[in-house]
C-alpha cells in the first residue's frame, strides 16, 4: 500500500471503509490528512513554538488557537462527508 490512512483514533467502521478504498480515494484521504496537518502547524503548533521561542503577542497566540479550535468541527464534518462518499461506503453503509 503506497498510502496510509491509519489514524490513532480511527473507529472500526472507518478502518473497514479505508481498507476498501480505491487508490484515488486513498490519495484523496492522504491529501486531506496533509492539509489538516498543515492547518495544525499554522494555527496551533507553529504559533505556540514562536511564542515560547521568540516572543509573540499573547493576544495573537490566543486568537490563532481560538480560530483553530473553533474550526475543528468544520474539518471533522468534511472528513466524515468524504469517508461516507467512498464507493464502498455508498454500497455498504445505510446512510438513512
PDB file of N, CA and C in Angstrom:
ATOM      1  N   UNK A   1       0.829  -1.182   0.000  1.00  0.00           N
ATOM      2  CA  UNK A   1       0.000   0.000   0.000  1.00  0.00           C
ATOM      3  C   UNK A   1       0.876   1.250   0.000  1.00  0.00           C
ATOM      4  N   UNK A   2       0.799   2.082  -1.021  1.00  0.00           N
ATOM      5  CA  UNK A   2       1.657   3.259  -1.077  1.00  0.00           C
ATOM      6  C   UNK A   2       1.191   4.396  -0.166  1.00  0.00           C
ATOM      7  N   UNK A   3      -0.063   4.416   0.223  1.00  0.00           N
ATOM      8  CA  UNK A   3      -0.585   5.495   1.052  1.00  0.00           C
ATOM      9  C   UNK A   3      -1.242   4.914   2.290  1.00  0.00           C
ATOM     10  N   UNK A   4      -0.983   5.530   3.434  1.00  0.00           N
ATOM     11  CA  UNK A   4      -1.539   5.031   4.687  1.00  0.00           C
ATOM     12  C   UNK A   4      -2.699   5.917   5.134  1.00  0.00           C
ATOM     13  N   UNK A   5      -3.779   5.294   5.545  1.00  0.00           N
ATOM     14  CA  UNK A   5      -4.928   6.032   6.068  1.00  0.00           C
ATOM     15  C   UNK A   5      -5.117   5.741   7.550  1.00  0.00           C
ATOM     16  N   UNK A   6      -4.092   5.218   8.206  1.00  0.00           N
ATOM     17  CA  UNK A   6      -4.175   4.873   9.610  1.00  0.00           C
ATOM     18  C   UNK A   6      -4.264   6.136  10.461  1.00  0.00           C
ATOM     19  N   UNK A   7      -5.037   6.082  11.520  1.00  0.00           N
ATOM     20  CA  UNK A   7      -5.170   7.178  12.473  1.00  0.00           C
ATOM     21  C   UNK A   7      -5.333   6.576  13.861  1.00  0.00           C
ATOM     22  N   UNK A   8      -4.753   7.182  14.890  1.00  0.00           N
ATOM     23  CA  UNK A   8      -4.837   6.586  16.227  1.00  0.00           C
ATOM     24  C   UNK A   8      -6.256   6.560  16.798  1.00  0.00           C
ATOM     25  N   UNK A   9      -7.127   7.437  16.348  1.00  0.00           N
ATOM     26  CA  UNK A   9      -8.491   7.492  16.882  1.00  0.00           C
ATOM     27  C   UNK A   9      -9.522   6.968  15.882  1.00  0.00           C
ATOM     28  N   UNK A  10      -9.070   6.192  14.924  1.00  0.00           N
ATOM     29  CA  UNK A  10      -9.932   5.674  13.869  1.00  0.00           C
ATOM     30  C   UNK A  10     -10.874   4.599  14.421  1.00  0.00           C
ATOM     31  N   UNK A  11     -12.155   4.774  14.155  1.00  0.00           N
ATOM     32  CA  UNK A  11     -13.129   3.778  14.605  1.00  0.00           C
ATOM     33  C   UNK A  11     -13.009   2.518  13.752  1.00  0.00           C
ATOM     34  N   UNK A  12     -13.581   1.442  14.247  1.00  0.00           N
ATOM     35  CA  UNK A  12     -13.561   0.179  13.497  1.00  0.00           C
ATOM     36  C   UNK A  12     -14.282   0.341  12.160  1.00  0.00           C
ATOM     37  N   UNK A  13     -15.382   1.110  12.160  1.00  0.00           N
ATOM     38  CA  UNK A  13     -16.138   1.329  10.923  1.00  0.00           C
ATOM     39  C   UNK A  13     -15.293   2.077   9.892  1.00  0.00           C
ATOM     40  N   UNK A  14     -14.590   3.116  10.314  1.00  0.00           N
ATOM     41  CA  UNK A  14     -13.756   3.880   9.387  1.00  0.00           C
ATOM     42  C   UNK A  14     -12.576   3.031   8.920  1.00  0.00           C
ATOM     43  N   UNK A  15     -12.007   2.238   9.815  1.00  0.00           N
ATOM     44  CA  UNK A  15     -10.913   1.345   9.439  1.00  0.00           C
ATOM     45  C   UNK A  15     -11.370   0.389   8.338  1.00  0.00           C
ATOM     46  N   UNK A  16     -12.586  -0.138   8.480  1.00  0.00           N
ATOM     47  CA  UNK A  16     -13.143  -1.044   7.473  1.00  0.00           C
ATOM     48  C   UNK A  16     -13.316  -0.318   6.135  1.00  0.00           C
ATOM     49  N   UNK A  17     -13.858   0.904   6.161  1.00  0.00           N
ATOM     50  CA  UNK A  17     -14.047   1.658   4.923  1.00  0.00           C
ATOM     51  C   UNK A  17     -12.712   1.967   4.259  1.00  0.00           C
ATOM     52  N   UNK A  18     -11.713   2.347   5.056  1.00  0.00           N
ATOM     53  CA  UNK A  18     -10.404   2.671   4.491  1.00  0.00           C
ATOM     54  C   UNK A  18      -9.754   1.463   3.840  1.00  0.00           C
ATOM     55  N   UNK A  19      -9.992   0.295   4.387  1.00  0.00           N
ATOM     56  CA  UNK A  19      -9.387  -0.899   3.802  1.00  0.00           C
ATOM     57  C   UNK A  19      -9.960  -1.221   2.426  1.00  0.00           C
ATOM     58  N   UNK A  20     -11.096  -0.656   2.083  1.00  0.00           N
ATOM     59  CA  UNK A  20     -11.731  -0.905   0.782  1.00  0.00           C
ATOM     60  C   UNK A  20     -11.627   0.282  -0.173  1.00  0.00           C
ATOM     61  N   UNK A  21     -10.850   1.303   0.177  1.00  0.00           N
ATOM     62  CA  UNK A  21     -10.743   2.485  -0.679  1.00  0.00           C
ATOM     63  C   UNK A  21      -9.990   2.165  -1.967  1.00  0.00           C
ATOM     64  N   UNK A  22     -10.412   2.825  -3.020  1.00  0.00           N
ATOM     65  CA  UNK A  22      -9.672   2.737  -4.275  1.00  0.00           C
ATOM     66  C   UNK A  22      -8.392   3.562  -4.122  1.00  0.00           C
ATOM     67  N   UNK A  23      -7.469   3.414  -5.039  1.00  0.00           N
ATOM     68  CA  UNK A  23      -6.225   4.173  -4.989  1.00  0.00           C
ATOM     69  C   UNK A  23      -6.509   5.678  -5.003  1.00  0.00           C
ATOM     70  N   UNK A  24      -7.436   6.096  -5.846  1.00  0.00           N
ATOM     71  CA  UNK A  24      -7.782   7.524  -5.943  1.00  0.00           C
ATOM     72  C   UNK A  24      -8.372   8.033  -4.615  1.00  0.00           C
ATOM     73  N   UNK A  25      -9.249   7.251  -4.015  1.00  0.00           N
ATOM     74  CA  UNK A  25      -9.844   7.646  -2.737  1.00  0.00           C
ATOM     75  C   UNK A  25      -8.779   7.701  -1.640  1.00  0.00           C
ATOM     76  N   UNK A  26      -7.881   6.752  -1.648  1.00  0.00           N
ATOM     77  CA  UNK A  26      -6.801   6.726  -0.651  1.00  0.00           C
ATOM     78  C   UNK A  26      -5.897   7.955  -0.811  1.00  0.00           C
ATOM     79  N   UNK A  27      -5.588   8.317  -2.068  1.00  0.00           N
ATOM     80  CA  UNK A  27      -4.771   9.504  -2.318  1.00  0.00           C
ATOM     81  C   UNK A  27      -5.477  10.760  -1.811  1.00  0.00           C
ATOM     82  N   UNK A  28      -6.769  10.828  -2.030  1.00  0.00           N
ATOM     83  CA  UNK A  28      -7.543  11.976  -1.560  1.00  0.00           C
ATOM     84  C   UNK A  28      -7.554  12.026  -0.029  1.00  0.00           C
ATOM     85  N   UNK A  29      -7.675  10.884   0.624  1.00  0.00           N
ATOM     86  CA  UNK A  29      -7.660  10.827   2.086  1.00  0.00           C
ATOM     87  C   UNK A  29      -6.314  11.294   2.633  1.00  0.00           C
ATOM     88  N   UNK A  30      -5.237  10.875   2.007  1.00  0.00           N
ATOM     89  CA  UNK A  30      -3.904  11.295   2.428  1.00  0.00           C
ATOM     90  C   UNK A  30      -3.738  12.802   2.218  1.00  0.00           C
ATOM     91  N   UNK A  31      -4.269  13.316   1.115  1.00  0.00           N
ATOM     92  CA  UNK A  31      -4.206  14.759   0.847  1.00  0.00           C
ATOM     93  C   UNK A  31      -4.955  15.526   1.936  1.00  0.00           C
ATOM     94  N   UNK A  32      -6.151  15.062   2.308  1.00  0.00           N
ATOM     95  CA  UNK A  32      -6.898  15.717   3.383  1.00  0.00           C
ATOM     96  C   UNK A  32      -6.109  15.691   4.690  1.00  0.00           C
ATOM     97  N   UNK A  33      -5.464  14.574   4.971  1.00  0.00           N
ATOM     98  CA  UNK A  33      -4.658  14.465   6.188  1.00  0.00           C
ATOM     99  C   UNK A  33      -3.489  15.442   6.181  1.00  0.00           C
ATOM    100  N   UNK A  34      -2.837  15.578   5.044  1.00  0.00           N
ATOM    101  CA  UNK A  34      -1.712  16.515   4.928  1.00  0.00           C
ATOM    102  C   UNK A  34      -2.180  17.957   5.087  1.00  0.00           C
ATOM    103  N   UNK A  35      -3.328  18.277   4.507  1.00  0.00           N
ATOM    104  CA  UNK A  35      -3.856  19.638   4.630  1.00  0.00           C
ATOM    105  C   UNK A  35      -4.222  19.948   6.085  1.00  0.00           C
ATOM    106  N   UNK A  36      -4.781  18.979   6.784  1.00  0.00           N
ATOM    107  CA  UNK A  36      -5.107  19.191   8.190  1.00  0.00           C
ATOM    108  C   UNK A  36      -3.827  19.353   9.017  1.00  0.00           C
ATOM    109  N   UNK A  37      -2.799  18.582   8.702  1.00  0.00           N
ATOM    110  CA  UNK A  37      -1.519  18.726   9.392  1.00  0.00           C
ATOM    111  C   UNK A  37      -0.924  20.111   9.192  1.00  0.00           C
ATOM    112  N   UNK A  38      -1.006  20.633   7.988  1.00  0.00           N
ATOM    113  CA  UNK A  38      -0.534  21.985   7.704  1.00  0.00           C
ATOM    114  C   UNK A  38      -1.347  23.006   8.500  1.00  0.00           C
ATOM    115  N   UNK A  39      -2.663  22.817   8.552  1.00  0.00           N
ATOM    116  CA  UNK A  39      -3.535  23.704   9.317  1.00  0.00           C
ATOM    117  C   UNK A  39      -3.140  23.710  10.796  1.00  0.00           C
ATOM    118  N   UNK A  40      -2.875  22.546  11.359  1.00  0.00           N
ATOM    119  CA  UNK A  40      -2.467  22.449  12.769  1.00  0.00           C
ATOM    120  C   UNK A  40      -1.146  23.184  12.976  1.00  0.00           C
ATOM    121  N   UNK A  41      -0.223  23.023  12.045  1.00  0.00           N
ATOM    122  CA  UNK A  41       1.067  23.688  12.155  1.00  0.00           C
ATOM    123  C   UNK A  41       0.920  25.214  12.108  1.00  0.00           C
ATOM    124  N   UNK A  42       0.114  25.705  11.197  1.00  0.00           N
ATOM    125  CA  UNK A  42      -0.018  27.157  11.010  1.00  0.00           C
ATOM    126  C   UNK A  42      -0.844  27.847  12.090  1.00  0.00           C
ATOM    127  N   UNK A  43      -1.810  27.148  12.674  1.00  0.00           N
ATOM    128  CA  UNK A  43      -2.709  27.820  13.617  1.00  0.00           C
ATOM    129  C   UNK A  43      -2.571  27.342  15.052  1.00  0.00           C
ATOM    130  N   UNK A  44      -1.719  26.348  15.307  1.00  0.00           N
ATOM    131  CA  UNK A  44      -1.604  25.848  16.670  1.00  0.00           C
ATOM    132  C   UNK A  44      -0.148  25.616  17.063  1.00  0.00           C
ATOM    133  N   UNK A  45       0.480  24.617  16.499  1.00  0.00           N
ATOM    134  CA  UNK A  45       1.834  24.236  16.908  1.00  0.00           C
ATOM    135  C   UNK A  45       2.860  25.321  16.568  1.00  0.00           C
ATOM    136  N   UNK A  46       2.792  25.860  15.367  1.00  0.00           N
ATOM    137  CA  UNK A  46       3.743  26.903  14.957  1.00  0.00           C
ATOM    138  C   UNK A  46       3.669  28.138  15.832  1.00  0.00           C
ATOM    139  N   UNK A  47       2.487  28.725  16.001  1.00  0.00           N
ATOM    140  CA  UNK A  47       2.389  29.908  16.858  1.00  0.00           C
ATOM    141  C   UNK A  47       2.827  29.665  18.301  1.00  0.00           C
ATOM    142  N   UNK A  48       2.515  28.493  18.849  1.00  0.00           N
ATOM    143  CA  UNK A  48       2.950  28.194  20.216  1.00  0.00           C
ATOM    144  C   UNK A  48       4.481  28.130  20.265  1.00  0.00           C
ATOM    145  N   UNK A  49       5.079  27.492  19.273  1.00  0.00           N
ATOM    146  CA  UNK A  49       6.542  27.434  19.202  1.00  0.00           C
ATOM    147  C   UNK A  49       7.171  28.811  19.091  1.00  0.00           C
ATOM    148  N   UNK A  50       6.621  29.668  18.216  1.00  0.00           N
ATOM    149  CA  UNK A  50       7.141  31.026  18.073  1.00  0.00           C
ATOM    150  C   UNK A  50       6.956  31.825  19.351  1.00  0.00           C
ATOM    151  N   UNK A  51       5.834  31.647  20.008  1.00  0.00           N
ATOM    152  CA  UNK A  51       5.559  32.375  21.248  1.00  0.00           C
ATOM    153  C   UNK A  51       6.624  32.067  22.300  1.00  0.00           C
ATOM    154  N   UNK A  52       6.942  30.799  22.483  1.00  0.00           N
ATOM    155  CA  UNK A  52       7.899  30.425  23.509  1.00  0.00           C
ATOM    156  C   UNK A  52       9.354  30.613  23.069  1.00  0.00           C
ATOM    157  N   UNK A  53       9.627  30.676  21.764  1.00  0.00           N
ATOM    158  CA  UNK A  53      11.000  30.818  21.284  1.00  0.00           C
ATOM    159  C   UNK A  53      11.412  32.272  21.071  1.00  0.00           C
ATOM    160  N   UNK A  54      10.541  33.039  20.435  1.00  0.00           N
ATOM    161  CA  UNK A  54      10.931  34.381  20.011  1.00  0.00           C
ATOM    162  C   UNK A  54      10.097  35.495  20.636  1.00  0.00           C
ATOM    163  N   UNK A  55       9.095  35.140  21.368  1.00  0.00           N
ATOM    164  CA  UNK A  55       8.176  36.160  21.862  1.00  0.00           C
ATOM    165  C   UNK A  55       7.174  36.458  20.758  1.00  0.00           C
ATOM    166  N   UNK A  56       5.985  36.619  21.111  1.00  0.00           N
ATOM    167  CA  UNK A  56       4.897  36.740  20.140  1.00  0.00           C
ATOM    168  C   UNK A  56       3.771  37.380  20.935  1.00  0.00           C
ATOM    169  N   UNK A  57       3.042  38.312  20.402  1.00  0.00           N
ATOM    170  CA  UNK A  57       1.966  38.906  21.206  1.00  0.00           C
ATOM    171  C   UNK A  57       0.990  37.825  21.692  1.00  0.00           C
ATOM    172  N   UNK A  58       0.729  37.819  22.982  1.00  0.00           N
ATOM    173  CA  UNK A  58      -0.143  36.807  23.563  1.00  0.00           C
ATOM    174  C   UNK A  58      -1.534  36.845  22.945  1.00  0.00           C
ATOM    175  N   UNK A  59      -2.039  38.022  22.650  1.00  0.00           N
ATOM    176  CA  UNK A  59      -3.379  38.131  22.062  1.00  0.00           C
ATOM    177  C   UNK A  59      -3.430  37.442  20.699  1.00  0.00           C
ATOM    178  N   UNK A  60      -2.329  37.542  19.923  1.00  0.00           N
ATOM    179  CA  UNK A  60      -2.297  36.897  18.608  1.00  0.00           C
ATOM    180  C   UNK A  60      -2.266  35.378  18.765  1.00  0.00           C
ATOM    181  N   UNK A  61      -1.506  34.906  19.739  1.00  0.00           N
ATOM    182  CA  UNK A  61      -1.455  33.466  20.007  1.00  0.00           C
ATOM    183  C   UNK A  61      -2.833  32.948  20.392  1.00  0.00           C
ATOM    184  N   UNK A  62      -3.486  33.654  21.298  1.00  0.00           N
ATOM    185  CA  UNK A  62      -4.824  33.244  21.743  1.00  0.00           C
ATOM    186  C   UNK A  62      -5.800  33.264  20.576  1.00  0.00           C
ATOM    187  N   UNK A  63      -5.736  34.290  19.732  1.00  0.00           N
ATOM    188  CA  UNK A  63      -6.648  34.391  18.578  1.00  0.00           C
ATOM    189  C   UNK A  63      -6.454  33.211  17.622  1.00  0.00           C
ATOM    190  N   UNK A  64      -5.204  32.843  17.352  1.00  0.00           N
ATOM    191  CA  UNK A  64      -4.952  31.724  16.438  1.00  0.00           C
ATOM    192  C   UNK A  64      -5.416  30.397  17.029  1.00  0.00           C
ATOM    193  N   UNK A  65      -5.187  30.205  18.320  1.00  0.00           N
ATOM    194  CA  UNK A  65      -5.616  28.960  18.953  1.00  0.00           C
ATOM    195  C   UNK A  65      -7.141  28.875  18.982  1.00  0.00           C
ATOM    196  N   UNK A  66      -7.815  29.993  19.270  1.00  0.00           N
ATOM    197  CA  UNK A  66      -9.281  30.012  19.257  1.00  0.00           C
ATOM    198  C   UNK A  66      -9.798  29.729  17.849  1.00  0.00           C
ATOM    199  N   UNK A  67      -9.167  30.325  16.842  1.00  0.00           N
ATOM    200  CA  UNK A  67      -9.557  30.061  15.453  1.00  0.00           C
ATOM    201  C   UNK A  67      -9.403  28.572  15.141  1.00  0.00           C
ATOM    202  N   UNK A  68      -8.277  28.013  15.532  1.00  0.00           N
ATOM    203  CA  UNK A  68      -8.030  26.589  15.279  1.00  0.00           C
ATOM    204  C   UNK A  68      -9.101  25.715  15.928  1.00  0.00           C
ATOM    205  N   UNK A  69      -9.339  25.930  17.204  1.00  0.00           N
ATOM    206  CA  UNK A  69     -10.307  25.106  17.942  1.00  0.00           C
ATOM    207  C   UNK A  69     -11.717  25.282  17.380  1.00  0.00           C
ATOM    208  N   UNK A  70     -12.070  26.504  17.009  1.00  0.00           N
ATOM    209  CA  UNK A  70     -13.427  26.749  16.511  1.00  0.00           C
ATOM    210  C   UNK A  70     -13.682  26.085  15.159  1.00  0.00           C
ATOM    211  N   UNK A  71     -12.633  25.824  14.390  1.00  0.00           N
ATOM    212  CA  UNK A  71     -12.824  25.209  13.071  1.00  0.00           C
ATOM    213  C   UNK A  71     -12.644  23.689  13.068  1.00  0.00           C
ATOM    214  N   UNK A  72     -12.319  23.104  14.203  1.00  0.00           N
ATOM    215  CA  UNK A  72     -12.204  21.646  14.260  1.00  0.00           C
ATOM    216  C   UNK A  72     -13.504  20.960  13.817  1.00  0.00           C
ATOM    217  N   UNK A  73     -14.694  21.408  14.254  1.00  0.00           N
ATOM    218  CA  UNK A  73     -15.924  20.752  13.776  1.00  0.00           C
ATOM    219  C   UNK A  73     -16.084  20.816  12.254  1.00  0.00           C
ATOM    220  N   UNK A  74     -15.628  21.885  11.635  1.00  0.00           N
ATOM    221  CA  UNK A  74     -15.718  22.004  10.174  1.00  0.00           C
ATOM    222  C   UNK A  74     -14.852  20.939   9.514  1.00  0.00           C
ATOM    223  N   UNK A  75     -13.621  20.767  10.004  1.00  0.00           N
ATOM    224  CA  UNK A  75     -12.745  19.740   9.449  1.00  0.00           C
ATOM    225  C   UNK A  75     -13.312  18.344   9.677  1.00  0.00           C
ATOM    226  N   UNK A  76     -13.863  18.101  10.851  1.00  0.00           N
ATOM    227  CA  UNK A  76     -14.445  16.783  11.144  1.00  0.00           C
ATOM    228  C   UNK A  76     -15.622  16.491  10.209  1.00  0.00           C
ATOM    229  N   UNK A  77     -16.443  17.495   9.947  1.00  0.00           N
ATOM    230  CA  UNK A  77     -17.590  17.304   9.058  1.00  0.00           C
ATOM    231  C   UNK A  77     -17.121  16.999   7.631  1.00  0.00           C
ATOM    232  N   UNK A  78     -16.094  17.708   7.170  1.00  0.00           N
ATOM    233  CA  UNK A  78     -15.550  17.449   5.834  1.00  0.00           C
ATOM    234  C   UNK A  78     -14.982  16.034   5.758  1.00  0.00           C
ATOM    235  N   UNK A  79     -14.301  15.618   6.797  1.00  0.00           N
ATOM    236  CA  UNK A  79     -13.709  14.283   6.834  1.00  0.00           C
ATOM    237  C   UNK A  79     -14.793  13.209   6.798  1.00  0.00           C
ATOM    238  N   UNK A  80     -15.830  13.383   7.596  1.00  0.00           N
ATOM    239  CA  UNK A  80     -16.929  12.425   7.635  1.00  0.00           C
ATOM    240  C   UNK A  80     -17.627  12.351   6.280  1.00  0.00           C
ATOM    241  N   UNK A  81     -17.868  13.507   5.686  1.00  0.00           N
ATOM    242  CA  UNK A  81     -18.523  13.547   4.369  1.00  0.00           C
ATOM    243  C   UNK A  81     -17.685  12.803   3.327  1.00  0.00           C
ATOM    244  N   UNK A  82     -16.373  12.991   3.371  1.00  0.00           N
ATOM    245  CA  UNK A  82     -15.509  12.295   2.419  1.00  0.00           C
ATOM    246  C   UNK A  82     -15.563  10.788   2.630  1.00  0.00           C
ATOM    247  N   UNK A  83     -15.402  10.344   3.876  1.00  0.00           N
ATOM    248  CA  UNK A  83     -15.363   8.904   4.151  1.00  0.00           C
ATOM    249  C   UNK A  83     -16.655   8.238   3.697  1.00  0.00           C
ATOM    250  N   UNK A  84     -17.785   8.875   3.946  1.00  0.00           N
ATOM    251  CA  UNK A  84     -19.062   8.282   3.540  1.00  0.00           C
ATOM    252  C   UNK A  84     -19.349   8.444   2.050  1.00  0.00           C
ATOM    253  N   UNK A  85     -18.496   9.188   1.328  1.00  0.00           N
ATOM    254  CA  UNK A  85     -18.692   9.326  -0.117  1.00  0.00           C
ATOM    255  C   UNK A  85     -17.904   8.283  -0.911  1.00  0.00           C
ATOM    256  N   UNK A  86     -17.127   7.444  -0.241  1.00  0.00           N
ATOM    257  CA  UNK A  86     -16.350   6.434  -0.962  1.00  0.00           C
ATOM    258  C   UNK A  86     -17.287   5.395  -1.575  1.00  0.00           C
ATOM    259  N   UNK A  87     -16.806   4.746  -2.612  1.00  0.00           N
ATOM    260  CA  UNK A  87     -17.624   3.746  -3.310  1.00  0.00           C
ATOM    261  C   UNK A  87     -18.092   2.642  -2.364  1.00  0.00           C
ATOM    262  N   UNK A  88     -17.181   2.135  -1.545  1.00  0.00           N
ATOM    263  CA  UNK A  88     -17.529   1.030  -0.643  1.00  0.00           C
ATOM    264  C   UNK A  88     -18.570   1.468   0.390  1.00  0.00           C
ATOM    265  N   UNK A  89     -18.406   2.670   0.945  1.00  0.00           N
ATOM    266  CA  UNK A  89     -19.343   3.155   1.944  1.00  0.00           C
ATOM    267  C   UNK A  89     -20.737   3.336   1.334  1.00  0.00           C
ATOM    268  N   UNK A  90     -20.805   3.867   0.136  1.00  0.00           N
ATOM    269  CA  UNK A  90     -22.091   4.045  -0.530  1.00  0.00           C
ATOM    270  C   UNK A  90     -22.803   2.711  -0.719  1.00  0.00           C
ATOM    271  N   UNK A  91     -22.050   1.681  -1.014  1.00  0.00           N
ATOM    272  CA  UNK A  91     -22.639   0.363  -1.272  1.00  0.00           C
ATOM    273  C   UNK A  91     -22.962  -0.407  -0.010  1.00  0.00           C
ATOM    274  N   UNK A  92     -22.294  -0.105   1.101  1.00  0.00           N
ATOM    275  CA  UNK A  92     -22.420  -0.949   2.289  1.00  0.00           C
ATOM    276  C   UNK A  92     -22.946  -0.284   3.553  1.00  0.00           C
ATOM    277  N   UNK A  93     -23.059   1.013   3.557  1.00  0.00           N
ATOM    278  CA  UNK A  93     -23.489   1.725   4.767  1.00  0.00           C
ATOM    279  C   UNK A  93     -24.883   2.307   4.538  1.00  0.00           C
ATOM    280  N   UNK A  94     -25.747   2.087   5.498  1.00  0.00           N
ATOM    281  CA  UNK A  94     -27.082   2.662   5.422  1.00  0.00           C
ATOM    282  C   UNK A  94     -26.991   4.102   5.907  1.00  0.00           C
ATOM    283  N   UNK A  95     -27.083   5.062   4.994  1.00  0.00           N
ATOM    284  CA  UNK A  95     -26.936   6.487   5.336  1.00  0.00           C
ATOM    285  C   UNK A  95     -28.230   7.078   5.870  1.00  0.00           C
ATOM    286  N   UNK A  96     -29.258   6.309   6.036  1.00  0.00           N
ATOM    287  CA  UNK A  96     -30.542   6.814   6.495  1.00  0.00           C
ATOM    288  C   UNK A  96     -30.565   6.887   7.940  1.00  0.00           C
TER     289      UNK A  96
END
